[in-house]
Amino acid sequence: MKKFPKRHKNHVLESKSEKFFLDHLPEDWIAEKPVDYGIDYKVEIIIDEEVTGQNFSVQLKAHAKLKDDGLICVSLARSTVNYYLARLEPILIICYIKEN
């Protein structure tokens, strides 16, 4: 029997978090996926059909379930925090929790 590569459940969860995020942005906003160094999307804000020059970046974190104590925890490497602090635009960190 032939063996094939498997798609790890973490990749599926990541895809779900991206779909959830994009489905909840206003339709006219622009979300682009850059080379990922701690940033998953760059978002341009559009108001009344005008590209405003306002933007922010997004980092998505995905978890299969809440912790037993109900807390949501996101870990970031110190180098990633330094990178965020050096950037000019706001960084939105979104933690996606898969619904059962």
C-alpha atoms as a PDB file:
ATOM      1  CA  MET A   1       0.000   0.000   0.000  1.00  0.00           C
ATOM      2  CA  LYS A   2       1.337   3.417  -0.963  1.00  0.00           C
ATOM      3  CA  LYS A   3       1.995   6.000   1.734  1.00  0.00           C
ATOM      4  CA  PHE A   4       1.338   9.680   1.117  1.00  0.00           C
ATOM      5  CA  PRO A   5       2.212  12.837   3.053  1.00  0.00           C
ATOM      6  CA  LYS A   6      -0.249  13.729   5.779  1.00  0.00           C
ATOM      7  CA  ARG A   7      -1.712  17.129   6.429  1.00  0.00           C
ATOM      8  CA  HIS A   8      -1.137  17.747  10.120  1.00  0.00           C
ATOM      9  CA  LYS A   9      -4.118  18.882  12.188  1.00  0.00           C
ATOM     10  CA  ASN A  10      -2.228  22.093  13.062  1.00  0.00           C
ATOM     11  CA  HIS A  11      -2.213  23.062   9.380  1.00  0.00           C
ATOM     12  CA  VAL A  12      -5.961  22.481   9.188  1.00  0.00           C
ATOM     13  CA  LEU A  13      -6.473  24.587  12.327  1.00  0.00           C
ATOM     14  CA  GLU A  14      -4.321  27.373  10.865  1.00  0.00           C
ATOM     15  CA  SER A  15      -6.406  27.335   7.667  1.00  0.00           C
ATOM     16  CA  LYS A  16      -9.604  27.565   9.723  1.00  0.00           C
ATOM     17  CA  SER A  17      -8.288  30.547  11.680  1.00  0.00           C
ATOM     18  CA  GLU A  18      -7.353  32.372   8.454  1.00  0.00           C
ATOM     19  CA  LYS A  19     -10.769  31.703   6.920  1.00  0.00           C
ATOM     20  CA  PHE A  20     -12.488  32.932  10.109  1.00  0.00           C
ATOM     21  CA  PHE A  21     -10.411  36.125  10.130  1.00  0.00           C
ATOM     22  CA  LEU A  22     -10.968  36.926   6.448  1.00  0.00           C
ATOM     23  CA  ASP A  23     -14.709  36.198   6.712  1.00  0.00           C
ATOM     24  CA  HIS A  24     -15.006  38.798   9.488  1.00  0.00           C
ATOM     25  CA  LEU A  25     -13.221  41.683   7.769  1.00  0.00           C
ATOM     26  CA  PRO A  26     -15.300  44.300   5.965  1.00  0.00           C
ATOM     27  CA  GLU A  27     -15.590  43.227   2.328  1.00  0.00           C
ATOM     28  CA  ASP A  28     -13.928  46.340   0.925  1.00  0.00           C
ATOM     29  CA  TRP A  29     -10.858  46.194   3.161  1.00  0.00           C
ATOM     30  CA  ILE A  30      -7.677  44.794   1.629  1.00  0.00           C
ATOM     31  CA  ALA A  31      -5.899  41.926   3.393  1.00  0.00           C
ATOM     32  CA  GLU A  32      -2.596  40.753   1.943  1.00  0.00           C
ATOM     33  CA  LYS A  33      -0.465  37.857   3.126  1.00  0.00           C
ATOM     34  CA  PRO A  34       3.194  38.931   3.409  1.00  0.00           C
ATOM     35  CA  VAL A  35       6.261  36.768   3.926  1.00  0.00           C
ATOM     36  CA  ASP A  36       5.613  35.549   7.479  1.00  0.00           C
ATOM     37  CA  TYR A  37       8.031  36.833  10.105  1.00  0.00           C
ATOM     38  CA  GLY A  38       5.446  37.066  12.863  1.00  0.00           C
ATOM     39  CA  ILE A  39       2.896  38.821  10.633  1.00  0.00           C
ATOM     40  CA  ASP A  40       0.140  36.832   8.918  1.00  0.00           C
ATOM     41  CA  TYR A  41      -1.736  39.681   7.202  1.00  0.00           C
ATOM     42  CA  LYS A  42      -1.316  43.349   6.373  1.00  0.00           C
ATOM     43  CA  VAL A  43      -4.711  45.067   6.296  1.00  0.00           C
ATOM     44  CA  GLU A  44      -5.592  48.348   4.535  1.00  0.00           C
ATOM     45  CA  ILE A  45      -8.651  50.168   5.868  1.00  0.00           C
ATOM     46  CA  ILE A  46     -11.124  51.434   3.270  1.00  0.00           C
ATOM     47  CA  ILE A  47     -13.737  54.027   4.275  1.00  0.00           C
ATOM     48  CA  ASP A  48     -16.467  55.159   1.862  1.00  0.00           C
ATOM     49  CA  GLU A  49     -14.567  53.533  -1.039  1.00  0.00           C
ATOM     50  CA  GLU A  50     -11.423  55.548  -0.218  1.00  0.00           C
ATOM     51  CA  VAL A  51      -8.104  53.865   0.529  1.00  0.00           C
ATOM     52  CA  THR A  52      -7.211  55.871   3.628  1.00  0.00           C
ATOM     53  CA  GLY A  53      -3.569  54.959   4.125  1.00  0.00           C
ATOM     54  CA  GLN A  54      -4.540  53.559   7.517  1.00  0.00           C
ATOM     55  CA  ASN A  55      -3.335  50.038   8.050  1.00  0.00           C
ATOM     56  CA  PHE A  56      -2.502  47.438  10.637  1.00  0.00           C
ATOM     57  CA  SER A  57      -0.857  44.044  10.744  1.00  0.00           C
ATOM     58  CA  VAL A  58      -2.332  40.829  12.106  1.00  0.00           C
ATOM     59  CA  GLN A  59      -0.773  37.806  13.771  1.00  0.00           C
ATOM     60  CA  LEU A  60      -3.103  34.821  14.042  1.00  0.00           C
ATOM     61  CA  LYS A  61      -2.679  32.230  16.762  1.00  0.00           C
ATOM     62  CA  ALA A  62      -4.895  29.150  16.741  1.00  0.00           C
ATOM     63  CA  HIS A  63      -5.704  26.650  19.465  1.00  0.00           C
ATOM     64  CA  ALA A  64      -7.879  23.556  19.319  1.00  0.00           C
ATOM     65  CA  LYS A  65      -9.522  24.319  22.677  1.00  0.00           C
ATOM     66  CA  LEU A  66      -9.422  26.561  25.726  1.00  0.00           C
ATOM     67  CA  LYS A  67      -7.172  25.598  28.586  1.00  0.00           C
ATOM     68  CA  ASP A  68      -8.853  23.722  31.437  1.00  0.00           C
ATOM     69  CA  ASP A  69      -8.966  26.925  33.515  1.00  0.00           C
ATOM     70  CA  GLY A  70     -10.712  28.798  30.662  1.00  0.00           C
ATOM     71  CA  LEU A  71      -7.783  31.145  30.087  1.00  0.00           C
ATOM     72  CA  ILE A  72      -6.473  32.052  26.680  1.00  0.00           C
ATOM     73  CA  CYS A  73      -2.688  32.215  26.514  1.00  0.00           C
ATOM     74  CA  VAL A  74      -0.585  33.293  23.569  1.00  0.00           C
ATOM     75  CA  SER A  75       3.177  32.857  23.690  1.00  0.00           C
ATOM     76  CA  LEU A  76       5.461  35.113  21.682  1.00  0.00           C
ATOM     77  CA  ALA A  77       9.216  34.866  21.346  1.00  0.00           C
ATOM     78  CA  ARG A  78      11.099  37.909  22.638  1.00  0.00           C
ATOM     79  CA  SER A  79      12.514  38.446  19.146  1.00  0.00           C
ATOM     80  CA  THR A  80       8.945  38.607  17.778  1.00  0.00           C
ATOM     81  CA  VAL A  81       7.930  41.167  20.426  1.00  0.00           C
ATOM     82  CA  ASN A  82      11.000  43.247  19.526  1.00  0.00           C
ATOM     83  CA  TYR A  83       9.958  43.046  15.868  1.00  0.00           C
ATOM     84  CA  TYR A  84       6.424  44.235  16.707  1.00  0.00           C
ATOM     85  CA  LEU A  85       7.745  47.135  18.795  1.00  0.00           C
ATOM     86  CA  ALA A  86       9.983  48.281  15.930  1.00  0.00           C
ATOM     87  CA  ARG A  87       7.104  48.413  13.424  1.00  0.00           C
ATOM     88  CA  LEU A  88       5.243  51.657  12.776  1.00  0.00           C
ATOM     89  CA  GLU A  89       1.722  50.271  12.392  1.00  0.00           C
ATOM     90  CA  PRO A  90      -0.403  48.650  15.097  1.00  0.00           C
ATOM     91  CA  ILE A  91      -0.225  44.865  15.432  1.00  0.00           C
ATOM     92  CA  LEU A  92      -3.442  42.980  16.161  1.00  0.00           C
ATOM     93  CA  ILE A  93      -2.922  39.562  17.726  1.00  0.00           C
ATOM     94  CA  ILE A  94      -5.930  37.304  17.248  1.00  0.00           C
ATOM     95  CA  CYS A  95      -6.309  34.023  19.089  1.00  0.00           C
ATOM     96  CA  TYR A  96      -8.679  31.678  17.269  1.00  0.00           C
ATOM     97  CA  ILE A  97     -10.187  28.905  19.384  1.00  0.00           C
ATOM     98  CA  LYS A  98     -11.722  26.067  17.387  1.00  0.00           C
ATOM     99  CA  GLU A  99     -15.353  25.499  18.294  1.00  0.00           C
ATOM    100  CA  ASN A 100     -16.280  21.930  19.112  1.00  0.00           C
END
